Amino acid sequence: MAVQKIRWYVKAQLGVLLLPAGLCLFGEAVIRKGIQVLAAAGKLETLASPGPWFWYGTFGLILINAGVGLMIESGLLRGYPGRN
């Protein structure tokens, strides 16, 4: 019984941590893409190479989906382990 509670707690906390991390990475990708568009238009000269915005966004979406999935799995399928 104690192993199930620990497993539930780890899944729930991992989901809670992955969701905001994914949101931050996705926001970073949006910012980098905006910088790239401004640099291509000639309005921004300080940073010509903003970095791999596509991979930041892709990894961010993966983390968002994993976090939401873990939170849903830990909450809807079993609920809190002590609940009957």
PDB file of N, CA and C in Angstrom:
ATOM      1  N   MET A   1       0.817  -1.196   0.000  1.00  0.00           N
ATOM      2  CA  MET A   1       0.000   0.000   0.000  1.00  0.00           C
ATOM      3  C   MET A   1       0.860   1.258   0.000  1.00  0.00           C
ATOM      4  N   ALA A   2       1.965   1.228   0.721  1.00  0.00           N
ATOM      5  CA  ALA A   2       2.833   2.405   0.787  1.00  0.00           C
ATOM      6  C   ALA A   2       3.501   2.680  -0.559  1.00  0.00           C
ATOM      7  N   VAL A   3       3.775   1.625  -1.303  1.00  0.00           N
ATOM      8  CA  VAL A   3       4.404   1.805  -2.607  1.00  0.00           C
ATOM      9  C   VAL A   3       3.437   2.499  -3.567  1.00  0.00           C
ATOM     10  N   GLN A   4       2.147   2.177  -3.487  1.00  0.00           N
ATOM     11  CA  GLN A   4       1.156   2.821  -4.345  1.00  0.00           C
ATOM     12  C   GLN A   4       1.035   4.308  -4.018  1.00  0.00           C
ATOM     13  N   LYS A   5       1.092   4.653  -2.747  1.00  0.00           N
ATOM     14  CA  LYS A   5       1.003   6.060  -2.361  1.00  0.00           C
ATOM     15  C   LYS A   5       2.209   6.840  -2.864  1.00  0.00           C
ATOM     16  N   ILE A   6       3.383   6.248  -2.752  1.00  0.00           N
ATOM     17  CA  ILE A   6       4.601   6.922  -3.220  1.00  0.00           C
ATOM     18  C   ILE A   6       4.560   7.064  -4.734  1.00  0.00           C
ATOM     19  N   ARG A   7       4.136   6.018  -5.426  1.00  0.00           N
ATOM     20  CA  ARG A   7       4.043   6.069  -6.889  1.00  0.00           C
ATOM     21  C   ARG A   7       3.038   7.142  -7.325  1.00  0.00           C
ATOM     22  N   TRP A   8       1.890   7.215  -6.645  1.00  0.00           N
ATOM     23  CA  TRP A   8       0.892   8.229  -6.959  1.00  0.00           C
ATOM     24  C   TRP A   8       1.450   9.627  -6.727  1.00  0.00           C
ATOM     25  N   TYR A   9       2.135   9.801  -5.603  1.00  0.00           N
ATOM     26  CA  TYR A   9       2.683  11.115  -5.263  1.00  0.00           C
ATOM     27  C   TYR A   9       3.737  11.543  -6.281  1.00  0.00           C
ATOM     28  N   VAL A  10       4.606  10.630  -6.681  1.00  0.00           N
ATOM     29  CA  VAL A  10       5.656  10.962  -7.645  1.00  0.00           C
ATOM     30  C   VAL A  10       5.044  11.333  -8.996  1.00  0.00           C
ATOM     31  N   LYS A  11       4.042  10.577  -9.445  1.00  0.00           N
ATOM     32  CA  LYS A  11       3.389  10.898 -10.720  1.00  0.00           C
ATOM     33  C   LYS A  11       2.713  12.262 -10.664  1.00  0.00           C
ATOM     34  N   ALA A  12       2.000  12.521  -9.584  1.00  0.00           N
ATOM     35  CA  ALA A  12       1.294  13.794  -9.465  1.00  0.00           C
ATOM     36  C   ALA A  12       2.275  14.967  -9.428  1.00  0.00           C
ATOM     37  N   GLN A  13       3.327  14.846  -8.652  1.00  0.00           N
ATOM     38  CA  GLN A  13       4.294  15.935  -8.549  1.00  0.00           C
ATOM     39  C   GLN A  13       5.082  16.118  -9.836  1.00  0.00           C
ATOM     40  N   LEU A  14       5.396  15.034 -10.513  1.00  0.00           N
ATOM     41  CA  LEU A  14       6.099  15.146 -11.785  1.00  0.00           C
ATOM     42  C   LEU A  14       5.233  15.853 -12.822  1.00  0.00           C
ATOM     43  N   GLY A  15       3.945  15.548 -12.821  1.00  0.00           N
ATOM     44  CA  GLY A  15       3.037  16.245 -13.723  1.00  0.00           C
ATOM     45  C   GLY A  15       2.943  17.717 -13.411  1.00  0.00           C
ATOM     46  N   VAL A  16       2.901  18.051 -12.124  1.00  0.00           N
ATOM     47  CA  VAL A  16       2.826  19.459 -11.711  1.00  0.00           C
ATOM     48  C   VAL A  16       4.105  20.202 -12.083  1.00  0.00           C
ATOM     49  N   LEU A  17       5.223  19.540 -12.111  1.00  0.00           N
ATOM     50  CA  LEU A  17       6.484  20.191 -12.480  1.00  0.00           C
ATOM     51  C   LEU A  17       6.688  20.269 -13.995  1.00  0.00           C
ATOM     52  N   LEU A  18       6.215  19.275 -14.728  1.00  0.00           N
ATOM     53  CA  LEU A  18       6.440  19.266 -16.171  1.00  0.00           C
ATOM     54  C   LEU A  18       5.574  20.288 -16.905  1.00  0.00           C
ATOM     55  N   LEU A  19       4.363  20.527 -16.424  1.00  0.00           N
ATOM     56  CA  LEU A  19       3.477  21.466 -17.111  1.00  0.00           C
ATOM     57  C   LEU A  19       4.054  22.877 -17.171  1.00  0.00           C
ATOM     58  N   PRO A  20       4.458  23.495 -16.059  1.00  0.00           N
ATOM     59  CA  PRO A  20       5.020  24.847 -16.183  1.00  0.00           C
ATOM     60  C   PRO A  20       6.368  24.890 -16.900  1.00  0.00           C
ATOM     61  N   ALA A  21       7.141  23.821 -16.791  1.00  0.00           N
ATOM     62  CA  ALA A  21       8.405  23.784 -17.532  1.00  0.00           C
ATOM     63  C   ALA A  21       8.136  23.790 -19.032  1.00  0.00           C
ATOM     64  N   GLY A  22       7.135  23.046 -19.464  1.00  0.00           N
ATOM     65  CA  GLY A  22       6.764  23.046 -20.869  1.00  0.00           C
ATOM     66  C   GLY A  22       6.217  24.385 -21.330  1.00  0.00           C
ATOM     67  N   LEU A  23       5.436  25.042 -20.472  1.00  0.00           N
ATOM     68  CA  LEU A  23       4.918  26.361 -20.817  1.00  0.00           C
ATOM     69  C   LEU A  23       6.045  27.374 -20.969  1.00  0.00           C
ATOM     70  N   CYS A  24       7.038  27.280 -20.107  1.00  0.00           N
ATOM     71  CA  CYS A  24       8.186  28.195 -20.204  1.00  0.00           C
ATOM     72  C   CYS A  24       8.966  27.965 -21.497  1.00  0.00           C
ATOM     73  N   LEU A  25       9.202  26.713 -21.843  1.00  0.00           N
ATOM     74  CA  LEU A  25       9.930  26.427 -23.083  1.00  0.00           C
ATOM     75  C   LEU A  25       9.140  26.852 -24.309  1.00  0.00           C
ATOM     76  N   PHE A  26       7.832  26.651 -24.283  1.00  0.00           N
ATOM     77  CA  PHE A  26       7.014  27.070 -25.418  1.00  0.00           C
ATOM     78  C   PHE A  26       7.025  28.594 -25.551  1.00  0.00           C
ATOM     79  N   GLY A  27       6.958  29.303 -24.431  1.00  0.00           N
ATOM     80  CA  GLY A  27       7.049  30.761 -24.467  1.00  0.00           C
ATOM     81  C   GLY A  27       8.392  31.238 -24.996  1.00  0.00           C
ATOM     82  N   GLU A  28       9.440  30.548 -24.612  1.00  0.00           N
ATOM     83  CA  GLU A  28      10.775  30.881 -25.116  1.00  0.00           C
ATOM     84  C   GLU A  28      10.850  30.691 -26.627  1.00  0.00           C
ATOM     85  N   ALA A  29      10.210  29.629 -27.129  1.00  0.00           N
ATOM     86  CA  ALA A  29      10.191  29.399 -28.578  1.00  0.00           C
ATOM     87  C   ALA A  29       9.448  30.510 -29.305  1.00  0.00           C
ATOM     88  N   VAL A  30       8.342  30.965 -28.723  1.00  0.00           N
ATOM     89  CA  VAL A  30       7.579  32.049 -29.346  1.00  0.00           C
ATOM     90  C   VAL A  30       8.407  33.328 -29.382  1.00  0.00           C
ATOM     91  N   ILE A  31       9.109  33.616 -28.308  1.00  0.00           N
ATOM     92  CA  ILE A  31       9.954  34.812 -28.256  1.00  0.00           C
ATOM     93  C   ILE A  31      11.086  34.723 -29.281  1.00  0.00           C
ATOM     94  N   ARG A  32      11.725  33.557 -29.365  1.00  0.00           N
ATOM     95  CA  ARG A  32      12.825  33.398 -30.323  1.00  0.00           C
ATOM     96  C   ARG A  32      12.341  33.500 -31.765  1.00  0.00           C
ATOM     97  N   LYS A  33      11.154  32.967 -32.041  1.00  0.00           N
ATOM     98  CA  LYS A  33      10.604  33.091 -33.392  1.00  0.00           C
ATOM     99  C   LYS A  33      10.293  34.558 -33.704  1.00  0.00           C
ATOM    100  N   GLY A  34       9.776  35.291 -32.736  1.00  0.00           N
ATOM    101  CA  GLY A  34       9.522  36.719 -32.935  1.00  0.00           C
ATOM    102  C   GLY A  34      10.791  37.499 -33.193  1.00  0.00           C
ATOM    103  N   ILE A  35      11.851  37.174 -32.486  1.00  0.00           N
ATOM    104  CA  ILE A  35      13.139  37.829 -32.709  1.00  0.00           C
ATOM    105  C   ILE A  35      13.652  37.519 -34.104  1.00  0.00           C
ATOM    106  N   GLN A  36      13.468  36.277 -34.550  1.00  0.00           N
ATOM    107  CA  GLN A  36      13.924  35.903 -35.887  1.00  0.00           C
ATOM    108  C   GLN A  36      13.140  36.662 -36.962  1.00  0.00           C
ATOM    109  N   VAL A  37      11.849  36.821 -36.767  1.00  0.00           N
ATOM    110  CA  VAL A  37      11.034  37.549 -37.740  1.00  0.00           C
ATOM    111  C   VAL A  37      11.453  39.015 -37.778  1.00  0.00           C
ATOM    112  N   LEU A  38      11.677  39.615 -36.614  1.00  0.00           N
ATOM    113  CA  LEU A  38      12.119  41.009 -36.580  1.00  0.00           C
ATOM    114  C   LEU A  38      13.494  41.184 -37.211  1.00  0.00           C
ATOM    115  N   ALA A  39      14.391  40.231 -36.975  1.00  0.00           N
ATOM    116  CA  ALA A  39      15.724  40.318 -37.557  1.00  0.00           C
ATOM    117  C   ALA A  39      15.665  40.172 -39.073  1.00  0.00           C
ATOM    118  N   ALA A  40      14.771  39.301 -39.562  1.00  0.00           N
ATOM    119  CA  ALA A  40      14.649  39.126 -41.008  1.00  0.00           C
ATOM    120  C   ALA A  40      14.047  40.356 -41.671  1.00  0.00           C
ATOM    121  N   ALA A  41      13.193  41.074 -40.940  1.00  0.00           N
ATOM    122  CA  ALA A  41      12.575  42.282 -41.496  1.00  0.00           C
ATOM    123  C   ALA A  41      13.511  43.482 -41.448  1.00  0.00           C
ATOM    124  N   GLY A  42      14.624  43.324 -40.758  1.00  0.00           N
ATOM    125  CA  GLY A  42      15.590  44.405 -40.673  1.00  0.00           C
ATOM    126  C   GLY A  42      15.304  45.390 -39.559  1.00  0.00           C
ATOM    127  N   LYS A  43      14.339  45.103 -38.713  1.00  0.00           N
ATOM    128  CA  LYS A  43      13.992  46.008 -37.622  1.00  0.00           C
ATOM    129  C   LYS A  43      14.833  45.750 -36.373  1.00  0.00           C
ATOM    130  N   LEU A  44      15.531  44.633 -36.350  1.00  0.00           N
ATOM    131  CA  LEU A  44      16.330  44.267 -35.189  1.00  0.00           C
ATOM    132  C   LEU A  44      17.709  43.850 -35.674  1.00  0.00           C
ATOM    133  N   GLU A  45      18.729  44.562 -35.242  1.00  0.00           N
ATOM    134  CA  GLU A  45      20.075  44.284 -35.735  1.00  0.00           C
ATOM    135  C   GLU A  45      20.983  43.666 -34.685  1.00  0.00           C
ATOM    136  N   THR A  46      20.547  43.591 -33.448  1.00  0.00           N
ATOM    137  CA  THR A  46      21.438  43.133 -32.383  1.00  0.00           C
ATOM    138  C   THR A  46      21.603  41.614 -32.366  1.00  0.00           C
ATOM    139  N   LEU A  47      20.561  40.885 -32.717  1.00  0.00           N
ATOM    140  CA  LEU A  47      20.623  39.435 -32.627  1.00  0.00           C
ATOM    141  C   LEU A  47      20.104  38.830 -33.932  1.00  0.00           C
ATOM    142  N   ALA A  48      21.010  38.355 -34.748  1.00  0.00           N
ATOM    143  CA  ALA A  48      20.610  37.811 -36.045  1.00  0.00           C
ATOM    144  C   ALA A  48      20.274  36.332 -35.962  1.00  0.00           C
ATOM    145  N   SER A  49      20.841  35.612 -34.996  1.00  0.00           N
ATOM    146  CA  SER A  49      20.588  34.180 -34.881  1.00  0.00           C
ATOM    147  C   SER A  49      19.983  33.879 -33.507  1.00  0.00           C
ATOM    148  N   PRO A  50      18.669  33.780 -33.410  1.00  0.00           N
ATOM    149  CA  PRO A  50      18.031  33.581 -32.119  1.00  0.00           C
ATOM    150  C   PRO A  50      18.122  32.161 -31.592  1.00  0.00           C
ATOM    151  N   GLY A  51      18.507  31.212 -32.404  1.00  0.00           N
ATOM    152  CA  GLY A  51      18.626  29.845 -31.924  1.00  0.00           C
ATOM    153  C   GLY A  51      17.537  28.940 -32.471  1.00  0.00           C
ATOM    154  N   PRO A  52      17.538  27.694 -32.035  1.00  0.00           N
ATOM    155  CA  PRO A  52      16.607  26.698 -32.585  1.00  0.00           C
ATOM    156  C   PRO A  52      15.216  26.806 -31.956  1.00  0.00           C
ATOM    157  N   TRP A  53      14.428  27.770 -32.405  1.00  0.00           N
ATOM    158  CA  TRP A  53      13.101  27.978 -31.806  1.00  0.00           C
ATOM    159  C   TRP A  53      12.176  26.794 -32.056  1.00  0.00           C
ATOM    160  N   PHE A  54      12.339  26.100 -33.180  1.00  0.00           N
ATOM    161  CA  PHE A  54      11.471  24.963 -33.488  1.00  0.00           C
ATOM    162  C   PHE A  54      11.624  23.857 -32.449  1.00  0.00           C
ATOM    163  N   TRP A  55      12.865  23.559 -32.068  1.00  0.00           N
ATOM    164  CA  TRP A  55      13.091  22.467 -31.120  1.00  0.00           C
ATOM    165  C   TRP A  55      12.682  22.867 -29.707  1.00  0.00           C
ATOM    166  N   TYR A  56      12.842  24.138 -29.364  1.00  0.00           N
ATOM    167  CA  TYR A  56      12.341  24.612 -28.071  1.00  0.00           C
ATOM    168  C   TYR A  56      10.822  24.422 -27.998  1.00  0.00           C
ATOM    169  N   GLY A  57      10.134  24.797 -29.056  1.00  0.00           N
ATOM    170  CA  GLY A  57       8.683  24.668 -29.080  1.00  0.00           C
ATOM    171  C   GLY A  57       8.219  23.222 -29.066  1.00  0.00           C
ATOM    172  N   THR A  58       8.900  22.384 -29.824  1.00  0.00           N
ATOM    173  CA  THR A  58       8.530  20.969 -29.868  1.00  0.00           C
ATOM    174  C   THR A  58       8.722  20.312 -28.511  1.00  0.00           C
ATOM    175  N   PHE A  59       9.870  20.551 -27.896  1.00  0.00           N
ATOM    176  CA  PHE A  59      10.129  19.965 -26.581  1.00  0.00           C
ATOM    177  C   PHE A  59       9.178  20.545 -25.537  1.00  0.00           C
ATOM    178  N   GLY A  60       8.852  21.821 -25.667  1.00  0.00           N
ATOM    179  CA  GLY A  60       7.894  22.438 -24.751  1.00  0.00           C
ATOM    180  C   GLY A  60       6.523  21.791 -24.851  1.00  0.00           C
ATOM    181  N   LEU A  61       6.043  21.533 -26.069  1.00  0.00           N
ATOM    182  CA  LEU A  61       4.745  20.878 -26.233  1.00  0.00           C
ATOM    183  C   LEU A  61       4.758  19.450 -25.712  1.00  0.00           C
ATOM    184  N   ILE A  62       5.880  18.759 -25.871  1.00  0.00           N
ATOM    185  CA  ILE A  62       5.997  17.401 -25.322  1.00  0.00           C
ATOM    186  C   ILE A  62       5.881  17.450 -23.799  1.00  0.00           C
ATOM    187  N   LEU A  63       6.564  18.399 -23.169  1.00  0.00           N
ATOM    188  CA  LEU A  63       6.505  18.512 -21.708  1.00  0.00           C
ATOM    189  C   LEU A  63       5.113  18.903 -21.228  1.00  0.00           C
ATOM    190  N   ILE A  64       4.443  19.790 -21.958  1.00  0.00           N
ATOM    191  CA  ILE A  64       3.075  20.186 -21.573  1.00  0.00           C
ATOM    192  C   ILE A  64       2.154  18.967 -21.605  1.00  0.00           C
ATOM    193  N   ASN A  65       2.208  18.212 -22.689  1.00  0.00           N
ATOM    194  CA  ASN A  65       1.341  17.034 -22.811  1.00  0.00           C
ATOM    195  C   ASN A  65       1.673  15.970 -21.767  1.00  0.00           C
ATOM    196  N   ALA A  66       2.951  15.776 -21.494  1.00  0.00           N
ATOM    197  CA  ALA A  66       3.335  14.791 -20.479  1.00  0.00           C
ATOM    198  C   ALA A  66       2.860  15.224 -19.102  1.00  0.00           C
ATOM    199  N   GLY A  67       2.998  16.504 -18.784  1.00  0.00           N
ATOM    200  CA  GLY A  67       2.551  16.992 -17.477  1.00  0.00           C
ATOM    201  C   GLY A  67       1.062  16.869 -17.290  1.00  0.00           C
ATOM    202  N   VAL A  68       0.291  17.257 -18.307  1.00  0.00           N
ATOM    203  CA  VAL A  68      -1.171  17.143 -18.215  1.00  0.00           C
ATOM    204  C   VAL A  68      -1.577  15.676 -18.128  1.00  0.00           C
ATOM    205  N   GLY A  69      -0.929  14.835 -18.906  1.00  0.00           N
ATOM    206  CA  GLY A  69      -1.247  13.407 -18.868  1.00  0.00           C
ATOM    207  C   GLY A  69      -0.971  12.781 -17.516  1.00  0.00           C
ATOM    208  N   LEU A  70       0.147  13.124 -16.915  1.00  0.00           N
ATOM    209  CA  LEU A  70       0.462  12.572 -15.594  1.00  0.00           C
ATOM    210  C   LEU A  70      -0.492  13.083 -14.530  1.00  0.00           C
ATOM    211  N   MET A  71      -0.858  14.350 -14.613  1.00  0.00           N
ATOM    212  CA  MET A  71      -1.800  14.882 -13.620  1.00  0.00           C
ATOM    213  C   MET A  71      -3.169  14.234 -13.772  1.00  0.00           C
ATOM    214  N   ILE A  72      -3.619  14.037 -14.997  1.00  0.00           N
ATOM    215  CA  ILE A  72      -4.920  13.401 -15.208  1.00  0.00           C
ATOM    216  C   ILE A  72      -4.889  11.948 -14.764  1.00  0.00           C
ATOM    217  N   GLU A  73      -3.814  11.259 -15.111  1.00  0.00           N
ATOM    218  CA  GLU A  73      -3.721   9.850 -14.727  1.00  0.00           C
ATOM    219  C   GLU A  73      -3.694   9.681 -13.210  1.00  0.00           C
ATOM    220  N   SER A  74      -2.974  10.516 -12.529  1.00  0.00           N
ATOM    221  CA  SER A  74      -2.888  10.365 -11.079  1.00  0.00           C
ATOM    222  C   SER A  74      -4.175  10.805 -10.388  1.00  0.00           C
ATOM    223  N   GLY A  75      -4.940  11.701 -11.007  1.00  0.00           N
ATOM    224  CA  GLY A  75      -6.143  12.189 -10.351  1.00  0.00           C
ATOM    225  C   GLY A  75      -7.410  11.467 -10.735  1.00  0.00           C
ATOM    226  N   LEU A  76      -7.578  11.126 -11.990  1.00  0.00           N
ATOM    227  CA  LEU A  76      -8.846  10.569 -12.429  1.00  0.00           C
ATOM    228  C   LEU A  76      -8.912   9.049 -12.318  1.00  0.00           C
ATOM    229  N   LEU A  77      -7.824   8.360 -12.563  1.00  0.00           N
ATOM    230  CA  LEU A  77      -7.889   6.909 -12.554  1.00  0.00           C
ATOM    231  C   LEU A  77      -7.881   6.323 -11.145  1.00  0.00           C
ATOM    232  N   ARG A  78      -7.121   6.901 -10.269  1.00  0.00           N
ATOM    233  CA  ARG A  78      -7.019   6.348  -8.919  1.00  0.00           C
ATOM    234  C   ARG A  78      -7.466   7.321  -7.838  1.00  0.00           C
ATOM    235  N   GLY A  79      -7.226   8.601  -8.056  1.00  0.00           N
ATOM    236  CA  GLY A  79      -7.506   9.550  -6.991  1.00  0.00           C
ATOM    237  C   GLY A  79      -6.471   9.432  -5.900  1.00  0.00           C
ATOM    238  N   TYR A  80      -6.728  10.076  -4.787  1.00  0.00           N
ATOM    239  CA  TYR A  80      -5.793   9.972  -3.676  1.00  0.00           C
ATOM    240  C   TYR A  80      -5.804   8.539  -3.170  1.00  0.00           C
ATOM    241  N   PRO A  81      -4.642   7.941  -2.915  1.00  0.00           N
ATOM    242  CA  PRO A  81      -4.588   6.520  -2.563  1.00  0.00           C
ATOM    243  C   PRO A  81      -5.362   6.131  -1.306  1.00  0.00           C
ATOM    244  N   GLY A  82      -5.576   7.051  -0.375  1.00  0.00           N
ATOM    245  CA  GLY A  82      -6.279   6.706   0.861  1.00  0.00           C
ATOM    246  C   GLY A  82      -7.783   6.712   0.723  1.00  0.00           C
ATOM    247  N   ARG A  83      -8.284   7.192  -0.410  1.00  0.00           N
ATOM    248  CA  ARG A  83      -9.733   7.278  -0.618  1.00  0.00           C
ATOM    249  C   ARG A  83     -10.285   5.929  -1.059  1.00  0.00           C
ATOM    250  N   ASN A  84     -11.394   5.530  -0.504  1.00  0.00           N
ATOM    251  CA  ASN A  84     -12.002   4.239  -0.864  1.00  0.00           C
ATOM    252  C   ASN A  84     -13.111   4.416  -1.858  1.00  0.00           C
TER     253      ASN A  84
END
